[in-house]
Amino acid sequence: IFKPEWIQYKETLPWADYDALVAYGDLSYTETGDYKAIHLIGKTVREFHILRAYVRQSSIAEAVCWAYDTDEEVRQEGGMITWYIEGNFIQDSFLNDFDTEGDLRGWHLPIIADKKPKANKHDRIEGITPFYQRLWVFYNKHLKGSTDFTVSLDQTLAFERGSTAHDDAPDSIHGAISKLQELSSAASFRPRTGSNPIPNALY
């Protein structure tokens, strides 16, 4: 579904120059099963820049530490990330890891649980292919060849209906792009105001 010729790299913008920054996590509780996938994507006009990726079979604690480190880096350089986690994973045992890390650092990562009803996984991931096909999606050129980017691309390019390949990475990318679309739509909305003429009969 995703073609190799659609994969492109680009110099990234300063964090504060993006219209919006969204990090979306598709996480699992097992360390040997599915991957824990988090993608940080920035939107600028019509382009989506995949800026950071965490795609590993790791513990929740390791993923949480990466999330805090990433948020600290971006905030120190003038950016602000909106954090979303797949709603199915927002449970007490999961949040405890975020709270524990926050206690150690003296601040807590604001996480939004994405509990909106979702379409079939294959359909929703396939739904972002037009952005790739129109060459609106760019990967951070400075992380080309990194382990997380390599695994993310492997999963994305292997994605197809009926495949048994891991699909946590493209699902995470879909989540971030979807939320960026929602945020930019809300930001561009301008209410229409005006006078409502009173019928002559009421004078």
N, C-alpha and C. Protein backbone atom coordinates (compact mmCIF):
# COMPACT_ATOMS: atom_id res chain seq x y z
N ILE A 1 0.83 -1.20 0.00
CA ILE A 1 0.00 0.00 0.00
C ILE A 1 0.87 1.25 0.00
N PHE A 2 1.86 1.30 0.85
CA PHE A 2 2.80 2.42 0.89
C PHE A 2 3.97 2.10 -0.03
N LYS A 3 4.26 2.98 -0.97
CA LYS A 3 5.29 2.74 -1.97
C LYS A 3 6.63 3.34 -1.53
N PRO A 4 7.74 2.64 -1.80
CA PRO A 4 9.06 3.17 -1.43
C PRO A 4 9.34 4.54 -2.03
N GLU A 5 8.83 4.80 -3.22
CA GLU A 5 9.10 6.09 -3.87
C GLU A 5 8.37 7.25 -3.19
N TRP A 6 7.46 6.93 -2.28
CA TRP A 6 6.76 8.00 -1.54
C TRP A 6 7.54 8.43 -0.29
N ILE A 7 8.58 7.69 0.06
CA ILE A 7 9.34 7.99 1.28
C ILE A 7 10.39 9.06 0.95
N GLN A 8 10.32 10.19 1.61
CA GLN A 8 11.24 11.28 1.33
C GLN A 8 11.69 11.94 2.63
N TYR A 9 12.83 12.58 2.56
CA TYR A 9 13.45 13.20 3.74
C TYR A 9 13.62 14.70 3.51
N LYS A 10 13.67 15.42 4.61
CA LYS A 10 13.75 16.88 4.50
C LYS A 10 14.36 17.48 5.76
N GLU A 11 14.97 18.65 5.59
CA GLU A 11 15.44 19.42 6.73
C GLU A 11 14.22 19.86 7.54
N THR A 12 14.31 19.74 8.85
CA THR A 12 13.16 20.11 9.68
C THR A 12 13.22 21.58 10.07
N LEU A 13 12.07 22.10 10.49
CA LEU A 13 11.96 23.49 10.93
C LEU A 13 12.29 23.60 12.42
N PRO A 14 12.57 24.81 12.91
CA PRO A 14 12.63 25.00 14.36
C PRO A 14 11.29 24.59 14.97
N TRP A 15 11.32 24.04 16.17
CA TRP A 15 10.10 23.52 16.78
C TRP A 15 8.97 24.55 16.80
N ALA A 16 9.30 25.79 17.13
CA ALA A 16 8.28 26.82 17.28
C ALA A 16 7.66 27.25 15.96
N ASP A 17 8.25 26.86 14.85
CA ASP A 17 7.75 27.30 13.54
C ASP A 17 6.66 26.39 12.98
N TYR A 18 6.39 25.28 13.63
CA TYR A 18 5.34 24.38 13.14
C TYR A 18 3.96 24.90 13.55
N ASP A 19 3.00 24.68 12.68
CA ASP A 19 1.63 25.08 12.99
C ASP A 19 1.12 24.31 14.22
N ALA A 20 1.53 23.06 14.33
CA ALA A 20 1.16 22.22 15.47
C ALA A 20 2.11 21.04 15.55
N LEU A 21 2.31 20.55 16.78
CA LEU A 21 3.14 19.37 17.02
C LEU A 21 2.29 18.36 17.79
N VAL A 22 2.20 17.15 17.28
CA VAL A 22 1.44 16.09 17.94
C VAL A 22 2.30 14.84 18.07
N ALA A 23 2.29 14.26 19.27
CA ALA A 23 2.91 12.96 19.49
C ALA A 23 1.78 11.98 19.80
N TYR A 24 1.78 10.85 19.11
CA TYR A 24 0.71 9.86 19.30
C TYR A 24 1.33 8.51 19.60
N GLY A 25 0.88 7.91 20.69
CA GLY A 25 1.41 6.62 21.11
C GLY A 25 0.44 5.48 20.92
N ASP A 26 0.90 4.43 20.27
CA ASP A 26 0.17 3.17 20.15
C ASP A 26 1.01 2.17 20.92
N LEU A 27 0.59 1.87 22.15
CA LEU A 27 1.44 1.13 23.08
C LEU A 27 0.83 -0.21 23.46
N SER A 28 1.69 -1.09 23.92
CA SER A 28 1.23 -2.40 24.40
C SER A 28 1.85 -2.67 25.76
N TYR A 29 1.29 -3.63 26.47
CA TYR A 29 1.78 -3.93 27.81
C TYR A 29 2.85 -5.01 27.82
N THR A 30 2.98 -5.75 26.73
CA THR A 30 3.95 -6.85 26.71
C THR A 30 5.28 -6.36 26.15
N GLU A 31 6.37 -6.93 26.65
CA GLU A 31 7.69 -6.52 26.19
C GLU A 31 8.17 -7.35 25.01
N THR A 32 7.53 -8.50 24.76
CA THR A 32 7.98 -9.37 23.68
C THR A 32 6.95 -9.49 22.57
N GLY A 33 5.81 -8.83 22.69
CA GLY A 33 4.77 -8.90 21.68
C GLY A 33 4.84 -7.73 20.73
N ASP A 34 3.76 -6.97 20.69
CA ASP A 34 3.71 -5.82 19.80
C ASP A 34 4.74 -4.77 20.20
N TYR A 35 5.00 -3.89 19.24
CA TYR A 35 5.93 -2.79 19.49
C TYR A 35 5.21 -1.65 20.20
N LYS A 36 5.97 -0.90 20.94
CA LYS A 36 5.48 0.37 21.48
C LYS A 36 5.91 1.44 20.48
N ALA A 37 4.94 2.10 19.89
CA ALA A 37 5.22 3.05 18.82
C ALA A 37 4.71 4.44 19.20
N ILE A 38 5.61 5.41 19.14
CA ILE A 38 5.24 6.82 19.35
C ILE A 38 5.88 7.62 18.22
N HIS A 39 5.09 8.44 17.56
CA HIS A 39 5.63 9.31 16.52
C HIS A 39 5.29 10.76 16.84
N LEU A 40 6.30 11.61 16.74
CA LEU A 40 6.11 13.05 16.89
C LEU A 40 6.11 13.66 15.49
N ILE A 41 5.01 14.27 15.13
CA ILE A 41 4.85 14.81 13.78
C ILE A 41 4.47 16.29 13.87
N GLY A 42 5.09 17.10 13.03
CA GLY A 42 4.76 18.52 12.96
C GLY A 42 4.06 18.83 11.65
N LYS A 43 3.11 19.75 11.69
CA LYS A 43 2.40 20.16 10.48
C LYS A 43 2.77 21.59 10.14
N THR A 44 3.10 21.81 8.89
CA THR A 44 3.36 23.15 8.40
C THR A 44 2.66 23.31 7.06
N VAL A 45 1.64 24.13 7.03
CA VAL A 45 0.75 24.30 5.88
C VAL A 45 0.19 22.93 5.51
N ARG A 46 0.57 22.35 4.37
CA ARG A 46 0.02 21.05 3.98
C ARG A 46 0.98 19.89 4.25
N GLU A 47 2.17 20.19 4.71
CA GLU A 47 3.16 19.14 4.91
C GLU A 47 3.12 18.56 6.32
N PHE A 48 3.44 17.27 6.41
CA PHE A 48 3.58 16.57 7.68
C PHE A 48 5.03 16.12 7.81
N HIS A 49 5.72 16.57 8.86
CA HIS A 49 7.11 16.21 9.08
C HIS A 49 7.20 15.23 10.24
N ILE A 50 7.66 14.02 9.96
CA ILE A 50 7.86 13.02 11.00
C ILE A 50 9.22 13.33 11.65
N LEU A 51 9.16 13.88 12.85
CA LEU A 51 10.34 14.48 13.48
C LEU A 51 11.09 13.53 14.41
N ARG A 52 10.34 12.72 15.14
CA ARG A 52 10.91 11.75 16.07
C ARG A 52 10.08 10.47 16.02
N ALA A 53 10.71 9.36 16.34
CA ALA A 53 9.99 8.09 16.38
C ALA A 53 10.57 7.20 17.47
N TYR A 54 9.68 6.51 18.14
CA TYR A 54 10.07 5.47 19.11
C TYR A 54 9.29 4.23 18.70
N VAL A 55 9.98 3.22 18.16
CA VAL A 55 9.32 1.99 17.71
C VAL A 55 10.17 0.83 18.20
N ARG A 56 9.81 0.31 19.38
CA ARG A 56 10.65 -0.71 20.02
C ARG A 56 9.79 -1.70 20.80
N GLN A 57 10.33 -2.91 20.93
CA GLN A 57 9.75 -3.89 21.84
C GLN A 57 10.45 -3.67 23.18
N SER A 58 9.85 -2.84 23.99
CA SER A 58 10.51 -2.41 25.23
C SER A 58 9.51 -2.39 26.37
N SER A 59 9.99 -1.99 27.52
CA SER A 59 9.10 -1.83 28.67
C SER A 59 8.36 -0.50 28.54
N ILE A 60 7.24 -0.39 29.28
CA ILE A 60 6.51 0.86 29.32
C ILE A 60 7.39 1.96 29.89
N ALA A 61 8.18 1.64 30.92
CA ALA A 61 9.03 2.63 31.57
C ALA A 61 10.01 3.27 30.59
N GLU A 62 10.58 2.46 29.67
CA GLU A 62 11.52 2.99 28.69
C GLU A 62 10.82 3.94 27.72
N ALA A 63 9.61 3.58 27.30
CA ALA A 63 8.85 4.44 26.39
C ALA A 63 8.47 5.75 27.08
N VAL A 64 8.11 5.65 28.35
CA VAL A 64 7.74 6.84 29.12
C VAL A 64 8.93 7.77 29.26
N CYS A 65 10.10 7.23 29.56
CA CYS A 65 11.30 8.05 29.71
C CYS A 65 11.61 8.78 28.40
N TRP A 66 11.47 8.08 27.27
CA TRP A 66 11.70 8.71 25.96
C TRP A 66 10.71 9.86 25.74
N ALA A 67 9.46 9.65 26.13
CA ALA A 67 8.44 10.69 25.95
C ALA A 67 8.78 11.94 26.76
N TYR A 68 9.17 11.75 28.01
CA TYR A 68 9.55 12.89 28.86
C TYR A 68 10.78 13.61 28.31
N ASP A 69 11.78 12.85 27.88
CA ASP A 69 13.00 13.46 27.33
C ASP A 69 12.67 14.28 26.09
N THR A 70 11.83 13.73 25.24
CA THR A 70 11.44 14.42 24.00
C THR A 70 10.68 15.70 24.31
N ASP A 71 9.75 15.63 25.23
CA ASP A 71 8.97 16.82 25.57
C ASP A 71 9.86 17.90 26.16
N GLU A 72 10.82 17.52 27.02
CA GLU A 72 11.73 18.49 27.61
C GLU A 72 12.57 19.18 26.52
N GLU A 73 13.08 18.39 25.59
CA GLU A 73 13.90 18.96 24.50
C GLU A 73 13.10 19.98 23.69
N VAL A 74 11.88 19.61 23.33
CA VAL A 74 11.06 20.48 22.48
C VAL A 74 10.68 21.76 23.23
N ARG A 75 10.29 21.63 24.50
CA ARG A 75 9.90 22.83 25.27
C ARG A 75 11.07 23.77 25.46
N GLN A 76 12.25 23.22 25.70
CA GLN A 76 13.43 24.06 25.89
C GLN A 76 13.77 24.86 24.63
N GLU A 77 13.33 24.36 23.47
CA GLU A 77 13.61 25.04 22.21
C GLU A 77 12.38 25.77 21.66
N GLY A 78 11.40 26.04 22.52
CA GLY A 78 10.28 26.89 22.15
C GLY A 78 9.08 26.22 21.54
N GLY A 79 9.04 24.90 21.50
CA GLY A 79 7.90 24.20 20.92
C GLY A 79 6.98 23.65 22.00
N MET A 80 5.80 23.21 21.59
CA MET A 80 4.86 22.60 22.52
C MET A 80 4.15 21.44 21.84
N ILE A 81 4.26 20.27 22.45
CA ILE A 81 3.68 19.05 21.89
C ILE A 81 2.33 18.77 22.56
N THR A 82 1.36 18.40 21.75
CA THR A 82 0.11 17.85 22.28
C THR A 82 0.24 16.33 22.25
N TRP A 83 0.09 15.70 23.42
CA TRP A 83 0.33 14.26 23.56
C TRP A 83 -0.98 13.48 23.57
N TYR A 84 -1.05 12.48 22.71
CA TYR A 84 -2.20 11.58 22.68
C TYR A 84 -1.71 10.13 22.84
N ILE A 85 -2.50 9.36 23.54
CA ILE A 85 -2.24 7.92 23.66
C ILE A 85 -3.52 7.19 23.29
N GLU A 86 -3.37 6.12 22.53
CA GLU A 86 -4.52 5.29 22.18
C GLU A 86 -5.32 4.98 23.44
N GLY A 87 -6.61 5.29 23.41
CA GLY A 87 -7.46 5.22 24.60
C GLY A 87 -7.50 3.87 25.27
N ASN A 88 -7.33 2.81 24.50
CA ASN A 88 -7.38 1.46 25.08
C ASN A 88 -6.28 1.23 26.11
N PHE A 89 -5.22 2.05 26.05
CA PHE A 89 -4.08 1.82 26.92
C PHE A 89 -4.07 2.76 28.12
N ILE A 90 -5.05 3.64 28.23
CA ILE A 90 -5.10 4.54 29.38
C ILE A 90 -5.75 3.80 30.55
N GLN A 91 -4.96 3.12 31.31
CA GLN A 91 -5.41 2.38 32.47
C GLN A 91 -4.50 2.74 33.64
N ASP A 92 -4.97 2.43 34.84
CA ASP A 92 -4.22 2.82 36.04
C ASP A 92 -2.78 2.31 36.02
N SER A 93 -2.59 1.04 35.66
CA SER A 93 -1.25 0.47 35.69
C SER A 93 -0.35 1.15 34.67
N PHE A 94 -0.92 1.60 33.57
CA PHE A 94 -0.15 2.28 32.53
C PHE A 94 0.20 3.70 32.97
N LEU A 95 -0.80 4.41 33.50
CA LEU A 95 -0.58 5.79 33.92
C LEU A 95 0.38 5.89 35.08
N ASN A 96 0.45 4.83 35.89
CA ASN A 96 1.38 4.85 37.02
C ASN A 96 2.81 5.08 36.57
N ASP A 97 3.18 4.51 35.41
CA ASP A 97 4.54 4.71 34.90
C ASP A 97 4.78 6.17 34.55
N PHE A 98 3.78 6.82 33.93
CA PHE A 98 3.90 8.23 33.60
C PHE A 98 3.96 9.08 34.87
N ASP A 99 3.12 8.74 35.85
CA ASP A 99 3.09 9.52 37.09
C ASP A 99 4.39 9.35 37.87
N THR A 100 4.93 8.14 37.91
CA THR A 100 6.18 7.89 38.63
C THR A 100 7.32 8.67 38.02
N GLU A 101 7.42 8.68 36.70
CA GLU A 101 8.47 9.44 36.01
C GLU A 101 8.29 10.93 36.26
N GLY A 102 7.04 11.38 36.26
CA GLY A 102 6.75 12.78 36.52
C GLY A 102 7.15 13.19 37.94
N ASP A 103 6.90 12.29 38.89
CA ASP A 103 7.29 12.58 40.28
C ASP A 103 8.79 12.77 40.38
N LEU A 104 9.55 11.97 39.66
CA LEU A 104 11.01 12.06 39.70
C LEU A 104 11.51 13.37 39.08
N ARG A 105 10.80 13.84 38.06
CA ARG A 105 11.25 15.03 37.33
C ARG A 105 10.65 16.33 37.87
N GLY A 106 9.60 16.21 38.66
CA GLY A 106 8.98 17.39 39.23
C GLY A 106 7.93 18.04 38.35
N TRP A 107 7.55 17.38 37.29
CA TRP A 107 6.47 17.85 36.42
C TRP A 107 5.87 16.63 35.71
N HIS A 108 4.65 16.78 35.23
CA HIS A 108 3.95 15.62 34.67
C HIS A 108 3.51 15.89 33.24
N LEU A 109 3.72 14.90 32.41
CA LEU A 109 3.37 14.99 30.99
C LEU A 109 1.85 14.98 30.84
N PRO A 110 1.27 16.00 30.19
CA PRO A 110 -0.17 16.03 29.99
C PRO A 110 -0.57 15.11 28.83
N ILE A 111 -1.24 14.03 29.18
CA ILE A 111 -1.60 13.03 28.17
C ILE A 111 -3.10 13.07 27.93
N ILE A 112 -3.48 13.08 26.67
CA ILE A 112 -4.90 13.03 26.30
C ILE A 112 -5.20 11.62 25.81
N ALA A 113 -6.20 11.00 26.39
CA ALA A 113 -6.61 9.67 25.95
C ALA A 113 -7.48 9.81 24.71
N ASP A 114 -7.07 9.18 23.63
CA ASP A 114 -7.87 9.21 22.40
C ASP A 114 -8.86 8.05 22.45
N LYS A 115 -10.06 8.36 22.88
CA LYS A 115 -11.09 7.32 23.03
C LYS A 115 -12.17 7.41 21.95
N LYS A 116 -11.90 8.20 20.92
CA LYS A 116 -12.89 8.33 19.84
C LYS A 116 -13.06 6.99 19.13
N PRO A 117 -14.28 6.62 18.75
CA PRO A 117 -14.49 5.38 18.00
C PRO A 117 -13.67 5.40 16.71
N LYS A 118 -13.10 4.26 16.38
CA LYS A 118 -12.23 4.21 15.20
C LYS A 118 -12.73 3.18 14.20
N ALA A 119 -12.39 3.45 12.95
CA ALA A 119 -12.72 2.52 11.89
C ALA A 119 -11.78 1.31 11.97
N ASN A 120 -12.01 0.35 11.12
CA ASN A 120 -11.13 -0.81 11.00
C ASN A 120 -9.69 -0.34 10.81
N LYS A 121 -8.75 -0.99 11.51
CA LYS A 121 -7.36 -0.55 11.49
C LYS A 121 -6.82 -0.44 10.07
N HIS A 122 -7.07 -1.44 9.23
CA HIS A 122 -6.57 -1.40 7.86
C HIS A 122 -7.11 -0.19 7.12
N ASP A 123 -8.41 0.06 7.27
CA ASP A 123 -9.04 1.17 6.55
C ASP A 123 -8.48 2.52 6.99
N ARG A 124 -8.30 2.68 8.31
CA ARG A 124 -7.84 3.99 8.77
C ARG A 124 -6.39 4.24 8.42
N ILE A 125 -5.54 3.21 8.47
CA ILE A 125 -4.14 3.41 8.08
C ILE A 125 -4.05 3.68 6.58
N GLU A 126 -4.81 2.93 5.80
CA GLU A 126 -4.81 3.15 4.35
C GLU A 126 -5.29 4.57 4.02
N GLY A 127 -6.09 5.15 4.92
CA GLY A 127 -6.63 6.48 4.69
C GLY A 127 -5.59 7.58 4.63
N ILE A 128 -4.37 7.34 5.15
CA ILE A 128 -3.34 8.39 5.09
C ILE A 128 -2.43 8.23 3.87
N THR A 129 -2.64 7.19 3.06
CA THR A 129 -1.78 7.01 1.89
C THR A 129 -1.85 8.17 0.90
N PRO A 130 -3.00 8.86 0.75
CA PRO A 130 -2.99 10.00 -0.19
C PRO A 130 -1.98 11.08 0.18
N PHE A 131 -1.74 11.27 1.49
CA PHE A 131 -0.75 12.27 1.89
C PHE A 131 0.65 11.85 1.47
N TYR A 132 0.94 10.54 1.56
CA TYR A 132 2.22 10.03 1.10
C TYR A 132 2.31 10.12 -0.42
N GLN A 133 1.24 9.72 -1.09
CA GLN A 133 1.24 9.69 -2.55
C GLN A 133 1.41 11.10 -3.15
N ARG A 134 0.85 12.10 -2.47
CA ARG A 134 0.98 13.48 -2.95
C ARG A 134 2.27 14.14 -2.48
N LEU A 135 3.10 13.33 -1.81
CA LEU A 135 4.42 13.76 -1.34
C LEU A 135 4.32 14.92 -0.37
N TRP A 136 3.41 14.79 0.56
CA TRP A 136 3.25 15.77 1.62
C TRP A 136 3.86 15.30 2.94
N VAL A 137 4.34 14.07 2.99
CA VAL A 137 4.92 13.51 4.22
C VAL A 137 6.43 13.44 4.07
N PHE A 138 7.13 13.99 5.06
CA PHE A 138 8.60 14.01 5.04
C PHE A 138 9.13 13.46 6.36
N TYR A 139 10.23 12.72 6.26
CA TYR A 139 10.92 12.21 7.44
C TYR A 139 12.12 13.10 7.74
N ASN A 140 12.43 13.22 9.02
CA ASN A 140 13.57 14.02 9.47
C ASN A 140 14.86 13.44 8.87
N LYS A 141 15.52 14.22 8.02
CA LYS A 141 16.69 13.70 7.32
C LYS A 141 17.85 13.42 8.28
N HIS A 142 17.85 14.07 9.45
CA HIS A 142 18.93 13.86 10.40
C HIS A 142 18.83 12.52 11.11
N LEU A 143 17.67 11.89 11.02
CA LEU A 143 17.47 10.59 11.66
C LEU A 143 17.36 9.45 10.64
N LYS A 144 17.68 9.75 9.39
CA LYS A 144 17.66 8.72 8.36
C LYS A 144 18.64 7.62 8.73
N GLY A 145 18.17 6.39 8.71
CA GLY A 145 19.02 5.25 9.05
C GLY A 145 19.06 4.91 10.52
N SER A 146 18.42 5.74 11.36
CA SER A 146 18.37 5.41 12.79
C SER A 146 17.51 4.17 13.00
N THR A 147 17.74 3.49 14.11
CA THR A 147 17.02 2.24 14.35
C THR A 147 15.52 2.44 14.38
N ASP A 148 15.04 3.45 15.10
CA ASP A 148 13.60 3.66 15.21
C ASP A 148 12.97 4.02 13.86
N PHE A 149 13.64 4.88 13.09
CA PHE A 149 13.11 5.23 11.77
C PHE A 149 13.12 4.02 10.84
N THR A 150 14.16 3.21 10.92
CA THR A 150 14.25 2.03 10.07
C THR A 150 13.12 1.06 10.36
N VAL A 151 12.87 0.80 11.65
CA VAL A 151 11.79 -0.12 12.03
C VAL A 151 10.44 0.47 11.63
N SER A 152 10.27 1.78 11.84
CA SER A 152 9.02 2.44 11.47
C SER A 152 8.76 2.30 9.98
N LEU A 153 9.77 2.53 9.16
CA LEU A 153 9.61 2.42 7.71
C LEU A 153 9.37 0.98 7.29
N ASP A 154 10.07 0.04 7.92
CA ASP A 154 9.87 -1.38 7.59
C ASP A 154 8.41 -1.78 7.82
N GLN A 155 7.86 -1.35 8.96
CA GLN A 155 6.47 -1.70 9.26
C GLN A 155 5.51 -1.00 8.30
N THR A 156 5.80 0.24 7.98
CA THR A 156 4.92 0.99 7.09
C THR A 156 4.91 0.39 5.69
N LEU A 157 6.08 0.09 5.15
CA LEU A 157 6.17 -0.45 3.79
C LEU A 157 5.64 -1.89 3.71
N ALA A 158 5.64 -2.61 4.83
CA ALA A 158 5.14 -3.99 4.85
C ALA A 158 3.63 -4.05 5.05
N PHE A 159 3.02 -2.92 5.35
CA PHE A 159 1.60 -2.91 5.70
C PHE A 159 0.73 -3.23 4.49
N GLU A 160 -0.14 -4.21 4.66
CA GLU A 160 -1.13 -4.56 3.64
C GLU A 160 -2.20 -5.43 4.29
N ARG A 161 -3.33 -5.49 3.64
CA ARG A 161 -4.44 -6.28 4.20
C ARG A 161 -4.05 -7.75 4.29
N GLY A 162 -4.29 -8.33 5.44
CA GLY A 162 -4.00 -9.74 5.64
C GLY A 162 -2.58 -10.04 6.06
N SER A 163 -1.73 -9.02 6.11
CA SER A 163 -0.34 -9.24 6.50
C SER A 163 -0.25 -9.51 8.00
N THR A 164 0.71 -10.34 8.38
CA THR A 164 0.95 -10.62 9.80
C THR A 164 2.09 -9.76 10.35
N ALA A 165 2.61 -8.84 9.53
CA ALA A 165 3.69 -7.96 9.97
C ALA A 165 3.17 -6.99 11.03
N HIS A 166 4.04 -6.54 11.89
CA HIS A 166 3.66 -5.56 12.90
C HIS A 166 3.20 -4.27 12.22
N ASP A 167 2.16 -3.66 12.78
CA ASP A 167 1.64 -2.44 12.18
C ASP A 167 1.47 -1.32 13.21
N ASP A 168 2.18 -1.42 14.32
CA ASP A 168 2.06 -0.40 15.37
C ASP A 168 2.58 0.96 14.90
N ALA A 169 3.64 0.96 14.09
CA ALA A 169 4.21 2.22 13.61
C ALA A 169 3.25 2.97 12.69
N PRO A 170 2.75 2.36 11.61
CA PRO A 170 1.82 3.11 10.77
C PRO A 170 0.53 3.49 11.50
N ASP A 171 0.12 2.70 12.48
CA ASP A 171 -1.07 3.07 13.26
C ASP A 171 -0.80 4.32 14.09
N SER A 172 0.42 4.42 14.65
CA SER A 172 0.81 5.59 15.41
C SER A 172 0.90 6.82 14.50
N ILE A 173 1.46 6.64 13.30
CA ILE A 173 1.55 7.75 12.34
C ILE A 173 0.16 8.23 11.95
N HIS A 174 -0.73 7.29 11.70
CA HIS A 174 -2.11 7.68 11.39
C HIS A 174 -2.72 8.50 12.51
N GLY A 175 -2.51 8.06 13.75
CA GLY A 175 -3.09 8.76 14.89
C GLY A 175 -2.61 10.20 14.96
N ALA A 176 -1.30 10.41 14.77
CA ALA A 176 -0.75 11.76 14.84
C ALA A 176 -1.25 12.64 13.71
N ILE A 177 -1.27 12.11 12.49
CA ILE A 177 -1.75 12.90 11.34
C ILE A 177 -3.21 13.24 11.51
N SER A 178 -3.99 12.29 11.99
CA SER A 178 -5.42 12.53 12.21
C SER A 178 -5.65 13.66 13.21
N LYS A 179 -4.89 13.65 14.30
CA LYS A 179 -5.05 14.70 15.31
C LYS A 179 -4.56 16.05 14.79
N LEU A 180 -3.50 16.05 13.99
CA LEU A 180 -3.03 17.30 13.40
C LEU A 180 -4.07 17.89 12.46
N GLN A 181 -4.76 17.03 11.74
CA GLN A 181 -5.84 17.50 10.86
C GLN A 181 -6.95 18.15 11.69
N GLU A 182 -7.28 17.53 12.81
CA GLU A 182 -8.33 18.08 13.67
C GLU A 182 -7.90 19.43 14.25
N LEU A 183 -6.65 19.51 14.71
CA LEU A 183 -6.17 20.75 15.31
C LEU A 183 -6.11 21.89 14.29
N SER A 184 -5.63 21.60 13.08
CA SER A 184 -5.52 22.66 12.08
C SER A 184 -6.89 23.08 11.58
N SER A 185 -7.84 22.14 11.55
CA SER A 185 -9.21 22.48 11.16
C SER A 185 -9.84 23.42 12.17
N ALA A 186 -9.63 23.14 13.45
CA ALA A 186 -10.19 23.99 14.51
C ALA A 186 -9.53 25.37 14.50
N ALA A 187 -8.21 25.41 14.22
CA ALA A 187 -7.49 26.68 14.23
C ALA A 187 -7.89 27.58 13.07
N SER A 188 -8.26 26.97 11.94
CA SER A 188 -8.60 27.77 10.75
C SER A 188 -10.06 28.17 10.70
N PHE A 189 -10.87 27.62 11.61
CA PHE A 189 -12.30 27.95 11.60
C PHE A 189 -12.52 29.38 12.06
N ARG A 190 -13.29 30.14 11.30
CA ARG A 190 -13.63 31.51 11.65
C ARG A 190 -15.15 31.65 11.68
N PRO A 191 -15.73 31.91 12.85
CA PRO A 191 -17.19 32.04 12.93
C PRO A 191 -17.67 33.20 12.06
N ARG A 192 -18.81 33.00 11.44
CA ARG A 192 -19.40 34.06 10.64
C ARG A 192 -20.38 34.85 11.51
N THR A 193 -20.23 36.16 11.50
CA THR A 193 -21.12 37.00 12.29
C THR A 193 -21.72 38.06 11.38
N GLY A 194 -22.84 38.59 11.79
CA GLY A 194 -23.50 39.63 11.00
C GLY A 194 -24.85 39.94 11.58
N SER A 195 -25.46 40.97 11.06
CA SER A 195 -26.78 41.36 11.56
C SER A 195 -27.85 40.50 10.96
N ASN A 196 -28.90 40.29 11.73
CA ASN A 196 -30.04 39.52 11.27
C ASN A 196 -31.19 40.50 11.06
N PRO A 197 -31.51 40.83 9.81
CA PRO A 197 -32.53 41.87 9.57
C PRO A 197 -33.87 41.50 10.18
N ILE A 198 -34.50 42.49 10.82
CA ILE A 198 -35.80 42.28 11.44
C ILE A 198 -36.90 42.53 10.43
N PRO A 199 -37.83 41.61 10.26
CA PRO A 199 -38.92 41.80 9.29
C PRO A 199 -39.66 43.12 9.55
N ASN A 200 -40.10 43.77 8.47
CA ASN A 200 -40.80 45.04 8.57
C ASN A 200 -42.03 44.96 9.45
N ALA A 201 -42.67 43.78 9.47
CA ALA A 201 -43.92 43.62 10.22
C ALA A 201 -43.69 43.80 11.70
N LEU A 202 -42.41 43.70 12.15
CA LEU A 202 -42.15 43.80 13.59
C LEU A 202 -41.88 45.22 14.02
N TYR A 203 -41.74 46.17 13.08
CA TYR A 203 -41.49 47.54 13.48
C TYR A 203 -42.76 48.16 14.02
